[in-house]
Amino acid sequence: MNTSVAASEIVITSALLSAPHQERSHKKMRALINAAYILLKTREFDDISVTDITQAAEVSIGTFYSRFSSKDNFLIFLGENLVAEILKKTIEEKLINKNWDDHTLFDKVNSYFQLGAAFFTKYSAVLKPMAMAMNNTADPDVISVAKKFNNVVHPAFRRLVLEDKAISTSGDIHQAIEDVLFWASAAVRQLTLYQNPRSAAERKRLVEKISQAAAAYLAAEQKP
């Protein structure tokens, strides 16, 4: 799996850069991010040390700790400032700006979850340890990452469903959407991060099954 990150994909918040905000600071940050991704291609996050990251990035440990308090804080940065923003951009390009005329509710639901599955697969090296951290900690910083991630990606799904001509905004549809976002997203995440389908075709087939169930659940809310 290729988990390298293009320079154009890297999102760096100015708050994490020491003044003055010089280009060399951005280069060092990009070097740290790319080094982490390269290491994560072959090793688990827990098995990678800060020294491993800084040596691969060819920067000093002092540079790392001037920006991050710990390795876990660095993981939070990857999730909050990199992954979520890339996914937001991808959703806007692939879903929000698409003409959905003559497409069914299933088409919309399936497109959303297929995109999510592909994204989880591509960035599994970061998302898997993040998911494990979120499941095993009460750390407010980690929890805030999960909330931000959801706040970035879930509004697109709500919009796609509510704009569907077969959907009425009355009744329990809003709760039904939240239900689907909860269990279908969890199913896709479990499938892509932990079950590792044998092929892209197998992943697509299984996500279609999840999408069919999700679309059927949403459609059922329209019945009197």
N, C-alpha and C. Protein backbone atom coordinates (compact mmCIF):
# COMPACT_ATOMS: atom_id res chain seq x y z
N MET A 1 0.85 -1.21 0.00
CA MET A 1 0.00 0.00 0.00
C MET A 1 0.87 1.24 0.00
N ASN A 2 0.58 2.19 -0.84
CA ASN A 2 1.34 3.43 -0.91
C ASN A 2 0.73 4.45 0.02
N THR A 3 1.42 4.77 1.09
CA THR A 3 0.90 5.73 2.06
C THR A 3 1.69 7.03 2.05
N SER A 4 2.51 7.26 1.01
CA SER A 4 3.23 8.51 0.92
C SER A 4 2.26 9.65 0.66
N VAL A 5 2.63 10.84 1.06
CA VAL A 5 1.75 11.99 0.98
C VAL A 5 2.38 13.04 0.10
N ALA A 6 1.65 13.51 -0.89
CA ALA A 6 2.14 14.57 -1.75
C ALA A 6 2.24 15.86 -0.98
N ALA A 7 3.18 16.71 -1.35
CA ALA A 7 3.36 17.97 -0.64
C ALA A 7 2.11 18.82 -0.67
N SER A 8 1.36 18.74 -1.77
CA SER A 8 0.14 19.54 -1.90
C SER A 8 -0.95 19.08 -0.95
N GLU A 9 -0.83 17.83 -0.42
CA GLU A 9 -1.85 17.30 0.48
C GLU A 9 -1.60 17.70 1.92
N ILE A 10 -0.38 18.11 2.24
CA ILE A 10 -0.02 18.35 3.62
C ILE A 10 -0.61 19.67 4.10
N VAL A 11 -1.34 19.59 5.20
CA VAL A 11 -1.96 20.76 5.79
C VAL A 11 -1.21 21.10 7.07
N ILE A 12 -0.65 22.28 7.15
CA ILE A 12 0.13 22.67 8.31
C ILE A 12 -0.49 23.92 8.92
N THR A 13 -0.92 23.81 10.15
CA THR A 13 -1.53 24.97 10.82
C THR A 13 -0.43 25.86 11.36
N SER A 14 -0.59 27.16 11.18
CA SER A 14 0.44 28.10 11.57
C SER A 14 0.70 28.08 13.07
N ALA A 15 -0.28 27.64 13.85
CA ALA A 15 -0.12 27.62 15.31
C ALA A 15 0.97 26.65 15.74
N LEU A 16 1.26 25.66 14.89
CA LEU A 16 2.27 24.67 15.25
C LEU A 16 3.66 25.08 14.81
N LEU A 17 3.80 26.21 14.14
CA LEU A 17 5.09 26.65 13.65
C LEU A 17 5.61 27.80 14.49
N SER A 18 6.89 27.69 14.86
CA SER A 18 7.49 28.76 15.64
C SER A 18 7.73 29.98 14.76
N ALA A 19 7.56 31.17 15.32
CA ALA A 19 7.81 32.40 14.56
C ALA A 19 9.32 32.57 14.39
N PRO A 20 9.78 33.12 13.27
CA PRO A 20 8.96 33.47 12.12
C PRO A 20 8.57 32.23 11.31
N HIS A 21 7.46 32.32 10.60
CA HIS A 21 6.95 31.18 9.84
C HIS A 21 7.73 31.07 8.53
N GLN A 22 8.89 30.52 8.59
CA GLN A 22 9.76 30.46 7.43
C GLN A 22 9.53 29.16 6.68
N GLU A 23 9.93 29.16 5.43
CA GLU A 23 9.74 27.99 4.59
C GLU A 23 10.48 26.77 5.13
N ARG A 24 11.62 27.00 5.79
CA ARG A 24 12.35 25.84 6.32
C ARG A 24 11.55 25.13 7.41
N SER A 25 10.71 25.88 8.14
CA SER A 25 9.86 25.25 9.15
C SER A 25 8.83 24.34 8.48
N HIS A 26 8.27 24.80 7.37
CA HIS A 26 7.32 23.97 6.62
C HIS A 26 8.02 22.74 6.06
N LYS A 27 9.23 22.92 5.58
CA LYS A 27 9.97 21.78 5.02
C LYS A 27 10.26 20.73 6.10
N LYS A 28 10.60 21.19 7.29
CA LYS A 28 10.86 20.25 8.38
C LYS A 28 9.59 19.51 8.78
N MET A 29 8.47 20.24 8.79
CA MET A 29 7.20 19.60 9.13
C MET A 29 6.82 18.57 8.08
N ARG A 30 7.00 18.93 6.82
CA ARG A 30 6.70 17.97 5.75
C ARG A 30 7.60 16.75 5.85
N ALA A 31 8.87 16.99 6.21
CA ALA A 31 9.80 15.88 6.34
C ALA A 31 9.37 14.93 7.46
N LEU A 32 8.89 15.48 8.58
CA LEU A 32 8.42 14.65 9.69
C LEU A 32 7.20 13.84 9.27
N ILE A 33 6.26 14.47 8.57
CA ILE A 33 5.05 13.78 8.13
C ILE A 33 5.38 12.66 7.16
N ASN A 34 6.20 12.96 6.16
CA ASN A 34 6.54 11.95 5.17
C ASN A 34 7.33 10.80 5.79
N ALA A 35 8.21 11.14 6.73
CA ALA A 35 8.98 10.10 7.41
C ALA A 35 8.06 9.16 8.18
N ALA A 36 7.07 9.74 8.86
CA ALA A 36 6.12 8.91 9.61
C ALA A 36 5.35 7.98 8.68
N TYR A 37 4.92 8.50 7.54
CA TYR A 37 4.17 7.67 6.60
C TYR A 37 5.02 6.55 6.03
N ILE A 38 6.27 6.85 5.73
CA ILE A 38 7.17 5.81 5.20
C ILE A 38 7.38 4.71 6.24
N LEU A 39 7.60 5.10 7.48
CA LEU A 39 7.80 4.11 8.55
C LEU A 39 6.53 3.29 8.79
N LEU A 40 5.39 3.93 8.69
CA LEU A 40 4.11 3.24 8.94
C LEU A 40 3.75 2.25 7.83
N LYS A 41 4.44 2.29 6.73
CA LYS A 41 4.19 1.33 5.65
C LYS A 41 4.60 -0.08 6.05
N THR A 42 5.57 -0.17 6.97
CA THR A 42 6.10 -1.49 7.34
C THR A 42 6.05 -1.79 8.83
N ARG A 43 5.71 -0.80 9.65
CA ARG A 43 5.73 -0.99 11.10
C ARG A 43 4.49 -0.40 11.74
N GLU A 44 4.12 -0.95 12.91
CA GLU A 44 3.01 -0.42 13.67
C GLU A 44 3.44 0.87 14.37
N PHE A 45 2.46 1.75 14.61
CA PHE A 45 2.76 3.04 15.21
C PHE A 45 3.43 2.88 16.57
N ASP A 46 2.95 1.92 17.38
CA ASP A 46 3.52 1.72 18.71
C ASP A 46 4.97 1.27 18.67
N ASP A 47 5.41 0.72 17.54
CA ASP A 47 6.78 0.22 17.41
C ASP A 47 7.73 1.27 16.84
N ILE A 48 7.21 2.45 16.56
CA ILE A 48 8.03 3.52 15.99
C ILE A 48 8.31 4.56 17.07
N SER A 49 9.58 4.90 17.25
CA SER A 49 9.95 5.88 18.27
C SER A 49 10.10 7.27 17.64
N VAL A 50 10.16 8.27 18.51
CA VAL A 50 10.40 9.63 18.03
C VAL A 50 11.76 9.70 17.33
N THR A 51 12.73 8.98 17.87
CA THR A 51 14.05 8.95 17.24
C THR A 51 13.98 8.36 15.84
N ASP A 52 13.19 7.31 15.68
CA ASP A 52 13.01 6.72 14.34
C ASP A 52 12.48 7.77 13.36
N ILE A 53 11.48 8.52 13.81
CA ILE A 53 10.85 9.53 12.94
C ILE A 53 11.83 10.64 12.59
N THR A 54 12.53 11.15 13.60
CA THR A 54 13.44 12.28 13.33
C THR A 54 14.64 11.85 12.49
N GLN A 55 15.14 10.64 12.70
CA GLN A 55 16.26 10.16 11.88
C GLN A 55 15.83 9.99 10.42
N ALA A 56 14.63 9.44 10.21
CA ALA A 56 14.13 9.26 8.85
C ALA A 56 13.87 10.60 8.18
N ALA A 57 13.47 11.59 8.99
CA ALA A 57 13.18 12.92 8.45
C ALA A 57 14.43 13.79 8.33
N GLU A 58 15.51 13.32 8.97
CA GLU A 58 16.78 14.06 8.98
C GLU A 58 16.62 15.42 9.63
N VAL A 59 15.89 15.41 10.77
CA VAL A 59 15.77 16.61 11.60
C VAL A 59 16.13 16.22 13.02
N SER A 60 16.37 17.20 13.86
CA SER A 60 16.75 16.92 15.24
C SER A 60 15.54 16.57 16.09
N ILE A 61 15.81 15.87 17.19
CA ILE A 61 14.75 15.57 18.14
C ILE A 61 14.19 16.87 18.74
N GLY A 62 15.07 17.85 18.91
CA GLY A 62 14.63 19.14 19.42
C GLY A 62 13.60 19.80 18.50
N THR A 63 13.80 19.64 17.20
CA THR A 63 12.83 20.16 16.23
C THR A 63 11.47 19.51 16.42
N PHE A 64 11.49 18.19 16.63
CA PHE A 64 10.23 17.47 16.85
C PHE A 64 9.52 18.00 18.10
N TYR A 65 10.25 18.06 19.22
CA TYR A 65 9.62 18.43 20.49
C TYR A 65 9.31 19.93 20.58
N SER A 66 9.86 20.73 19.68
CA SER A 66 9.47 22.15 19.65
C SER A 66 8.08 22.31 19.07
N ARG A 67 7.57 21.25 18.41
CA ARG A 67 6.25 21.30 17.79
C ARG A 67 5.25 20.35 18.41
N PHE A 68 5.73 19.23 18.95
CA PHE A 68 4.84 18.21 19.49
C PHE A 68 5.33 17.79 20.88
N SER A 69 4.38 17.65 21.80
CA SER A 69 4.75 17.27 23.16
C SER A 69 5.08 15.79 23.29
N SER A 70 4.58 14.99 22.35
CA SER A 70 4.81 13.55 22.41
C SER A 70 4.52 12.93 21.05
N LYS A 71 4.81 11.65 20.93
CA LYS A 71 4.50 10.93 19.70
C LYS A 71 3.00 10.85 19.49
N ASP A 72 2.25 10.67 20.57
CA ASP A 72 0.79 10.63 20.46
C ASP A 72 0.24 11.97 19.99
N ASN A 73 0.84 13.07 20.45
CA ASN A 73 0.43 14.39 20.00
C ASN A 73 0.70 14.55 18.51
N PHE A 74 1.76 13.96 18.02
CA PHE A 74 2.08 13.97 16.60
C PHE A 74 1.03 13.20 15.82
N LEU A 75 0.59 12.06 16.37
CA LEU A 75 -0.47 11.28 15.73
C LEU A 75 -1.76 12.10 15.64
N ILE A 76 -2.08 12.83 16.70
CA ILE A 76 -3.26 13.69 16.70
C ILE A 76 -3.14 14.74 15.60
N PHE A 77 -1.94 15.31 15.46
CA PHE A 77 -1.73 16.29 14.40
C PHE A 77 -2.00 15.67 13.03
N LEU A 78 -1.48 14.47 12.80
CA LEU A 78 -1.68 13.81 11.51
C LEU A 78 -3.17 13.65 11.23
N GLY A 79 -3.92 13.24 12.24
CA GLY A 79 -5.35 13.02 12.04
C GLY A 79 -6.14 14.30 11.90
N GLU A 80 -5.85 15.26 12.77
CA GLU A 80 -6.67 16.48 12.83
C GLU A 80 -6.35 17.45 11.71
N ASN A 81 -5.08 17.62 11.40
CA ASN A 81 -4.68 18.66 10.46
C ASN A 81 -4.33 18.14 9.08
N LEU A 82 -4.24 16.83 8.93
CA LEU A 82 -3.89 16.28 7.62
C LEU A 82 -5.02 15.44 7.06
N VAL A 83 -5.32 14.34 7.73
CA VAL A 83 -6.27 13.37 7.19
C VAL A 83 -7.66 13.96 7.01
N ALA A 84 -8.17 14.63 8.05
CA ALA A 84 -9.54 15.17 7.96
C ALA A 84 -9.67 16.19 6.84
N GLU A 85 -8.66 17.03 6.67
CA GLU A 85 -8.74 18.05 5.64
C GLU A 85 -8.65 17.47 4.24
N ILE A 86 -7.83 16.43 4.07
CA ILE A 86 -7.74 15.77 2.77
C ILE A 86 -9.07 15.12 2.43
N LEU A 87 -9.69 14.46 3.41
CA LEU A 87 -10.98 13.80 3.18
C LEU A 87 -12.05 14.84 2.85
N LYS A 88 -12.04 15.97 3.55
CA LYS A 88 -13.01 17.03 3.26
C LYS A 88 -12.88 17.48 1.82
N LYS A 89 -11.65 17.71 1.38
CA LYS A 89 -11.41 18.15 0.00
C LYS A 89 -11.88 17.09 -0.99
N THR A 90 -11.61 15.83 -0.68
CA THR A 90 -12.01 14.73 -1.56
C THR A 90 -13.52 14.64 -1.67
N ILE A 91 -14.21 14.76 -0.54
CA ILE A 91 -15.67 14.70 -0.53
C ILE A 91 -16.26 15.84 -1.35
N GLU A 92 -15.72 17.02 -1.18
CA GLU A 92 -16.23 18.16 -1.93
C GLU A 92 -16.06 17.96 -3.43
N GLU A 93 -14.91 17.41 -3.83
CA GLU A 93 -14.64 17.21 -5.25
C GLU A 93 -15.46 16.07 -5.84
N LYS A 94 -15.59 14.98 -5.09
CA LYS A 94 -16.22 13.77 -5.62
C LYS A 94 -17.72 13.68 -5.38
N LEU A 95 -18.21 14.34 -4.33
CA LEU A 95 -19.62 14.19 -3.98
C LEU A 95 -20.40 15.49 -4.05
N ILE A 96 -19.94 16.51 -3.33
CA ILE A 96 -20.72 17.74 -3.22
C ILE A 96 -20.86 18.43 -4.57
N ASN A 97 -19.81 18.43 -5.36
CA ASN A 97 -19.85 19.14 -6.64
C ASN A 97 -20.35 18.28 -7.80
N LYS A 98 -20.83 17.10 -7.49
CA LYS A 98 -21.32 16.20 -8.52
C LYS A 98 -22.81 16.44 -8.79
N ASN A 99 -23.22 16.27 -10.05
CA ASN A 99 -24.63 16.37 -10.41
C ASN A 99 -25.30 15.03 -10.11
N TRP A 100 -26.23 15.06 -9.14
CA TRP A 100 -26.86 13.81 -8.70
C TRP A 100 -28.23 13.59 -9.35
N ASP A 101 -28.58 14.36 -10.35
CA ASP A 101 -29.84 14.14 -11.06
C ASP A 101 -29.85 12.73 -11.64
N ASP A 102 -31.01 12.08 -11.55
CA ASP A 102 -31.20 10.72 -12.09
C ASP A 102 -30.39 9.65 -11.35
N HIS A 103 -29.93 9.97 -10.13
CA HIS A 103 -29.27 8.97 -9.29
C HIS A 103 -30.18 8.60 -8.13
N THR A 104 -30.13 7.36 -7.73
CA THR A 104 -30.97 6.88 -6.65
C THR A 104 -30.35 7.18 -5.29
N LEU A 105 -31.15 7.00 -4.25
CA LEU A 105 -30.65 7.16 -2.90
C LEU A 105 -29.50 6.19 -2.64
N PHE A 106 -29.64 4.96 -3.13
CA PHE A 106 -28.55 3.99 -2.97
C PHE A 106 -27.28 4.48 -3.63
N ASP A 107 -27.38 5.07 -4.81
CA ASP A 107 -26.20 5.58 -5.52
C ASP A 107 -25.44 6.57 -4.64
N LYS A 108 -26.18 7.46 -4.00
CA LYS A 108 -25.56 8.48 -3.15
C LYS A 108 -24.91 7.85 -1.92
N VAL A 109 -25.68 7.00 -1.25
CA VAL A 109 -25.18 6.36 -0.04
C VAL A 109 -23.94 5.51 -0.36
N ASN A 110 -24.02 4.75 -1.43
CA ASN A 110 -22.91 3.88 -1.80
C ASN A 110 -21.68 4.69 -2.20
N SER A 111 -21.88 5.78 -2.93
CA SER A 111 -20.74 6.62 -3.32
C SER A 111 -20.03 7.18 -2.09
N TYR A 112 -20.82 7.59 -1.10
CA TYR A 112 -20.24 8.14 0.12
C TYR A 112 -19.40 7.10 0.85
N PHE A 113 -19.96 5.91 1.05
CA PHE A 113 -19.24 4.90 1.82
C PHE A 113 -18.11 4.25 1.01
N GLN A 114 -18.25 4.17 -0.30
CA GLN A 114 -17.14 3.68 -1.11
C GLN A 114 -15.95 4.64 -1.04
N LEU A 115 -16.26 5.93 -1.09
CA LEU A 115 -15.21 6.93 -0.98
C LEU A 115 -14.53 6.84 0.39
N GLY A 116 -15.34 6.67 1.43
CA GLY A 116 -14.78 6.52 2.76
C GLY A 116 -13.92 5.28 2.89
N ALA A 117 -14.37 4.17 2.31
CA ALA A 117 -13.61 2.92 2.38
C ALA A 117 -12.27 3.06 1.67
N ALA A 118 -12.28 3.68 0.51
CA ALA A 118 -11.03 3.88 -0.23
C ALA A 118 -10.08 4.77 0.55
N PHE A 119 -10.64 5.77 1.20
CA PHE A 119 -9.84 6.69 1.99
C PHE A 119 -9.25 5.98 3.21
N PHE A 120 -10.08 5.23 3.92
CA PHE A 120 -9.59 4.48 5.08
C PHE A 120 -8.49 3.51 4.68
N THR A 121 -8.63 2.90 3.52
CA THR A 121 -7.61 1.96 3.05
C THR A 121 -6.31 2.68 2.75
N LYS A 122 -6.39 3.80 2.05
CA LYS A 122 -5.19 4.54 1.67
C LYS A 122 -4.43 5.06 2.88
N TYR A 123 -5.18 5.55 3.88
CA TYR A 123 -4.55 6.16 5.04
C TYR A 123 -4.65 5.29 6.30
N SER A 124 -4.76 4.00 6.10
CA SER A 124 -4.91 3.08 7.24
C SER A 124 -3.74 3.16 8.21
N ALA A 125 -2.55 3.47 7.71
CA ALA A 125 -1.38 3.53 8.58
C ALA A 125 -1.55 4.55 9.69
N VAL A 126 -2.27 5.63 9.41
CA VAL A 126 -2.54 6.66 10.43
C VAL A 126 -3.87 6.41 11.11
N LEU A 127 -4.88 6.04 10.33
CA LEU A 127 -6.23 5.93 10.87
C LEU A 127 -6.39 4.74 11.81
N LYS A 128 -5.68 3.65 11.56
CA LYS A 128 -5.82 2.49 12.45
C LYS A 128 -5.32 2.79 13.86
N PRO A 129 -4.10 3.32 14.04
CA PRO A 129 -3.69 3.66 15.41
C PRO A 129 -4.55 4.76 16.03
N MET A 130 -5.05 5.68 15.20
CA MET A 130 -5.95 6.70 15.72
C MET A 130 -7.23 6.08 16.26
N ALA A 131 -7.80 5.16 15.48
CA ALA A 131 -9.03 4.50 15.91
C ALA A 131 -8.82 3.72 17.20
N MET A 132 -7.68 3.05 17.30
CA MET A 132 -7.37 2.30 18.52
C MET A 132 -7.21 3.23 19.71
N ALA A 133 -6.56 4.37 19.48
CA ALA A 133 -6.38 5.34 20.56
C ALA A 133 -7.71 5.90 21.03
N MET A 134 -8.61 6.15 20.08
CA MET A 134 -9.92 6.71 20.42
C MET A 134 -10.77 5.71 21.20
N ASN A 135 -10.57 4.43 20.92
CA ASN A 135 -11.34 3.39 21.60
C ASN A 135 -10.82 3.08 23.00
N ASN A 136 -9.59 3.51 23.28
CA ASN A 136 -8.94 3.08 24.52
C ASN A 136 -8.49 4.22 25.41
N THR A 137 -9.03 5.41 25.20
CA THR A 137 -8.60 6.54 26.01
C THR A 137 -9.73 7.51 26.25
N ALA A 138 -9.60 8.26 27.35
CA ALA A 138 -10.53 9.36 27.64
C ALA A 138 -9.82 10.69 27.44
N ASP A 139 -8.66 10.67 26.81
CA ASP A 139 -7.88 11.88 26.56
C ASP A 139 -8.72 12.87 25.76
N PRO A 140 -8.95 14.07 26.30
CA PRO A 140 -9.81 15.04 25.60
C PRO A 140 -9.25 15.45 24.24
N ASP A 141 -7.92 15.47 24.08
CA ASP A 141 -7.34 15.83 22.79
C ASP A 141 -7.67 14.79 21.73
N VAL A 142 -7.59 13.51 22.11
CA VAL A 142 -7.91 12.44 21.17
C VAL A 142 -9.39 12.46 20.82
N ILE A 143 -10.23 12.66 21.84
CA ILE A 143 -11.68 12.72 21.61
C ILE A 143 -12.03 13.89 20.69
N SER A 144 -11.34 15.02 20.86
CA SER A 144 -11.62 16.19 20.01
C SER A 144 -11.28 15.91 18.56
N VAL A 145 -10.26 15.07 18.31
CA VAL A 145 -9.92 14.69 16.94
C VAL A 145 -11.06 13.91 16.31
N ALA A 146 -11.62 12.97 17.08
CA ALA A 146 -12.74 12.17 16.56
C ALA A 146 -13.92 13.07 16.21
N LYS A 147 -14.21 14.03 17.08
CA LYS A 147 -15.33 14.94 16.84
C LYS A 147 -15.07 15.80 15.62
N LYS A 148 -13.85 16.30 15.48
CA LYS A 148 -13.53 17.14 14.33
C LYS A 148 -13.63 16.33 13.04
N PHE A 149 -13.10 15.11 13.09
CA PHE A 149 -13.15 14.26 11.91
C PHE A 149 -14.59 14.05 11.47
N ASN A 150 -15.46 13.72 12.41
CA ASN A 150 -16.88 13.52 12.09
C ASN A 150 -17.53 14.80 11.60
N ASN A 151 -17.18 15.93 12.22
CA ASN A 151 -17.77 17.20 11.81
C ASN A 151 -17.33 17.63 10.41
N VAL A 152 -16.19 17.13 9.98
CA VAL A 152 -15.69 17.44 8.65
C VAL A 152 -16.41 16.61 7.58
N VAL A 153 -16.60 15.32 7.86
CA VAL A 153 -17.07 14.43 6.80
C VAL A 153 -18.57 14.14 6.82
N HIS A 154 -19.21 14.13 7.99
CA HIS A 154 -20.61 13.73 8.07
C HIS A 154 -21.61 14.71 7.46
N PRO A 155 -21.37 16.03 7.50
CA PRO A 155 -22.34 16.94 6.88
C PRO A 155 -22.61 16.64 5.42
N ALA A 156 -21.63 16.15 4.69
CA ALA A 156 -21.83 15.82 3.27
C ALA A 156 -22.86 14.72 3.11
N PHE A 157 -22.82 13.73 4.00
CA PHE A 157 -23.79 12.63 3.93
C PHE A 157 -25.19 13.15 4.24
N ARG A 158 -25.32 13.95 5.27
CA ARG A 158 -26.62 14.51 5.62
C ARG A 158 -27.20 15.30 4.44
N ARG A 159 -26.36 16.08 3.81
CA ARG A 159 -26.82 16.90 2.68
C ARG A 159 -27.26 16.02 1.52
N LEU A 160 -26.48 15.00 1.19
CA LEU A 160 -26.83 14.12 0.07
C LEU A 160 -28.18 13.45 0.29
N VAL A 161 -28.41 12.99 1.51
CA VAL A 161 -29.65 12.28 1.81
C VAL A 161 -30.84 13.25 1.81
N LEU A 162 -30.70 14.38 2.49
CA LEU A 162 -31.81 15.31 2.62
C LEU A 162 -32.19 15.97 1.29
N GLU A 163 -31.25 16.05 0.36
CA GLU A 163 -31.54 16.63 -0.95
C GLU A 163 -32.11 15.62 -1.93
N ASP A 164 -32.18 14.35 -1.51
CA ASP A 164 -32.73 13.33 -2.41
C ASP A 164 -34.24 13.55 -2.56
N LYS A 165 -34.72 13.46 -3.79
CA LYS A 165 -36.13 13.75 -4.05
C LYS A 165 -37.08 12.72 -3.43
N ALA A 166 -36.54 11.56 -3.07
CA ALA A 166 -37.38 10.53 -2.46
C ALA A 166 -37.48 10.67 -0.95
N ILE A 167 -36.74 11.62 -0.40
CA ILE A 167 -36.66 11.78 1.05
C ILE A 167 -37.50 12.97 1.51
N SER A 168 -38.31 12.73 2.52
CA SER A 168 -39.05 13.80 3.16
C SER A 168 -38.30 14.23 4.41
N THR A 169 -38.26 15.52 4.67
CA THR A 169 -37.53 16.01 5.84
C THR A 169 -38.36 15.94 7.11
N SER A 170 -39.56 15.41 6.99
CA SER A 170 -40.41 15.28 8.17
C SER A 170 -40.16 13.93 8.85
N GLY A 171 -40.82 13.73 9.97
CA GLY A 171 -40.72 12.46 10.66
C GLY A 171 -39.38 12.24 11.31
N ASP A 172 -38.92 10.98 11.29
CA ASP A 172 -37.70 10.61 12.00
C ASP A 172 -36.49 10.50 11.08
N ILE A 173 -36.53 11.15 9.90
CA ILE A 173 -35.44 10.98 8.95
C ILE A 173 -34.12 11.50 9.49
N HIS A 174 -34.17 12.59 10.26
CA HIS A 174 -32.92 13.13 10.80
C HIS A 174 -32.27 12.15 11.76
N GLN A 175 -33.07 11.50 12.61
CA GLN A 175 -32.52 10.51 13.51
C GLN A 175 -32.04 9.29 12.74
N ALA A 176 -32.77 8.94 11.68
CA ALA A 176 -32.36 7.80 10.85
C ALA A 176 -31.00 8.05 10.21
N ILE A 177 -30.78 9.28 9.78
CA ILE A 177 -29.48 9.63 9.19
C ILE A 177 -28.37 9.47 10.22
N GLU A 178 -28.61 9.95 11.44
CA GLU A 178 -27.60 9.82 12.50
C GLU A 178 -27.35 8.36 12.83
N ASP A 179 -28.41 7.55 12.82
CA ASP A 179 -28.25 6.11 13.07
C ASP A 179 -27.34 5.48 12.02
N VAL A 180 -27.60 5.81 10.75
CA VAL A 180 -26.80 5.25 9.65
C VAL A 180 -25.35 5.70 9.76
N LEU A 181 -25.15 6.98 10.04
CA LEU A 181 -23.79 7.47 10.18
C LEU A 181 -23.04 6.73 11.29
N PHE A 182 -23.77 6.36 12.33
CA PHE A 182 -23.14 5.65 13.44
C PHE A 182 -22.77 4.22 13.06
N TRP A 183 -23.75 3.42 12.63
CA TRP A 183 -23.44 1.99 12.45
C TRP A 183 -22.81 1.68 11.10
N ALA A 184 -23.21 2.38 10.04
CA ALA A 184 -22.62 2.09 8.74
C ALA A 184 -21.17 2.58 8.67
N SER A 185 -20.90 3.74 9.23
CA SER A 185 -19.53 4.23 9.27
C SER A 185 -18.64 3.29 10.08
N ALA A 186 -19.18 2.80 11.20
CA ALA A 186 -18.42 1.86 12.02
C ALA A 186 -18.14 0.57 11.26
N ALA A 187 -19.13 0.11 10.50
CA ALA A 187 -18.95 -1.13 9.73
C ALA A 187 -17.89 -0.96 8.65
N VAL A 188 -17.92 0.16 7.95
CA VAL A 188 -16.92 0.43 6.91
C VAL A 188 -15.54 0.57 7.53
N ARG A 189 -15.45 1.25 8.65
CA ARG A 189 -14.17 1.42 9.34
C ARG A 189 -13.62 0.06 9.79
N GLN A 190 -14.48 -0.77 10.36
CA GLN A 190 -14.05 -2.09 10.81
C GLN A 190 -13.58 -2.93 9.62
N LEU A 191 -14.31 -2.87 8.53
CA LEU A 191 -13.98 -3.65 7.35
C LEU A 191 -12.62 -3.26 6.78
N THR A 192 -12.39 -1.96 6.62
CA THR A 192 -11.19 -1.51 5.94
C THR A 192 -9.95 -1.49 6.82
N LEU A 193 -10.11 -1.18 8.11
CA LEU A 193 -8.96 -1.06 8.99
C LEU A 193 -8.55 -2.37 9.64
N TYR A 194 -9.49 -3.28 9.82
CA TYR A 194 -9.18 -4.48 10.60
C TYR A 194 -9.37 -5.80 9.85
N GLN A 195 -10.33 -5.86 8.95
CA GLN A 195 -10.59 -7.12 8.27
C GLN A 195 -9.77 -7.30 7.00
N ASN A 196 -9.31 -6.20 6.41
CA ASN A 196 -8.45 -6.26 5.23
C ASN A 196 -8.98 -7.16 4.13
N PRO A 197 -10.00 -6.73 3.38
CA PRO A 197 -10.52 -7.53 2.27
C PRO A 197 -9.41 -7.95 1.32
N ARG A 198 -9.58 -9.11 0.69
CA ARG A 198 -8.52 -9.69 -0.15
C ARG A 198 -8.20 -8.83 -1.36
N SER A 199 -9.14 -8.06 -1.84
CA SER A 199 -8.92 -7.25 -3.03
C SER A 199 -9.82 -6.03 -2.99
N ALA A 200 -9.53 -5.08 -3.90
CA ALA A 200 -10.38 -3.89 -4.01
C ALA A 200 -11.79 -4.26 -4.43
N ALA A 201 -11.91 -5.29 -5.28
CA ALA A 201 -13.23 -5.74 -5.73
C ALA A 201 -14.03 -6.32 -4.57
N GLU A 202 -13.36 -7.06 -3.70
CA GLU A 202 -14.03 -7.63 -2.53
C GLU A 202 -14.46 -6.53 -1.57
N ARG A 203 -13.60 -5.55 -1.38
CA ARG A 203 -13.96 -4.40 -0.53
C ARG A 203 -15.17 -3.68 -1.10
N LYS A 204 -15.18 -3.46 -2.40
CA LYS A 204 -16.29 -2.76 -3.04
C LYS A 204 -17.58 -3.53 -2.85
N ARG A 205 -17.54 -4.85 -3.00
CA ARG A 205 -18.74 -5.68 -2.87
C ARG A 205 -19.29 -5.61 -1.44
N LEU A 206 -18.41 -5.68 -0.47
CA LEU A 206 -18.85 -5.66 0.93
C LEU A 206 -19.39 -4.29 1.32
N VAL A 207 -18.78 -3.23 0.82
CA VAL A 207 -19.28 -1.89 1.10
C VAL A 207 -20.64 -1.68 0.44
N GLU A 208 -20.84 -2.26 -0.73
CA GLU A 208 -22.15 -2.19 -1.38
C GLU A 208 -23.23 -2.83 -0.50
N LYS A 209 -22.90 -3.92 0.16
CA LYS A 209 -23.85 -4.58 1.06
C LYS A 209 -24.22 -3.65 2.22
N ILE A 210 -23.22 -2.98 2.77
CA ILE A 210 -23.46 -2.03 3.86
C ILE A 210 -24.34 -0.88 3.36
N SER A 211 -24.03 -0.39 2.16
CA SER A 211 -24.78 0.73 1.58
C SER A 211 -26.23 0.35 1.28
N GLN A 212 -26.43 -0.88 0.81
CA GLN A 212 -27.79 -1.35 0.55
C GLN A 212 -28.62 -1.36 1.82
N ALA A 213 -28.01 -1.84 2.91
CA ALA A 213 -28.71 -1.86 4.19
C ALA A 213 -28.99 -0.45 4.68
N ALA A 214 -28.03 0.44 4.49
CA ALA A 214 -28.19 1.83 4.94
C ALA A 214 -29.29 2.53 4.14
N ALA A 215 -29.28 2.38 2.81
CA ALA A 215 -30.29 3.01 1.98
C ALA A 215 -31.68 2.46 2.29
N ALA A 216 -31.78 1.16 2.52
CA ALA A 216 -33.07 0.54 2.85
C ALA A 216 -33.59 1.07 4.17
N TYR A 217 -32.72 1.24 5.14
CA TYR A 217 -33.10 1.78 6.44
C TYR A 217 -33.62 3.21 6.30
N LEU A 218 -32.93 4.02 5.51
CA LEU A 218 -33.36 5.40 5.30
C LEU A 218 -34.71 5.45 4.56
N ALA A 219 -34.86 4.60 3.55
CA ALA A 219 -36.11 4.58 2.78
C ALA A 219 -37.28 4.14 3.63
N ALA A 220 -37.02 3.25 4.58
CA ALA A 220 -38.09 2.74 5.44
C ALA A 220 -38.69 3.85 6.29
N GLU A 221 -37.89 4.88 6.58
CA GLU A 221 -38.37 6.00 7.40
C GLU A 221 -39.38 6.86 6.63
N GLN A 222 -39.46 6.65 5.30
CA GLN A 222 -40.40 7.44 4.50
C GLN A 222 -41.80 6.80 4.43
N LYS A 223 -41.88 5.58 4.93
CA LYS A 223 -43.17 4.88 4.88
C LYS A 223 -44.03 5.29 6.06
N PRO A 224 -45.33 5.48 5.82
CA PRO A 224 -46.21 5.90 6.93
C PRO A 224 -46.36 4.81 7.97
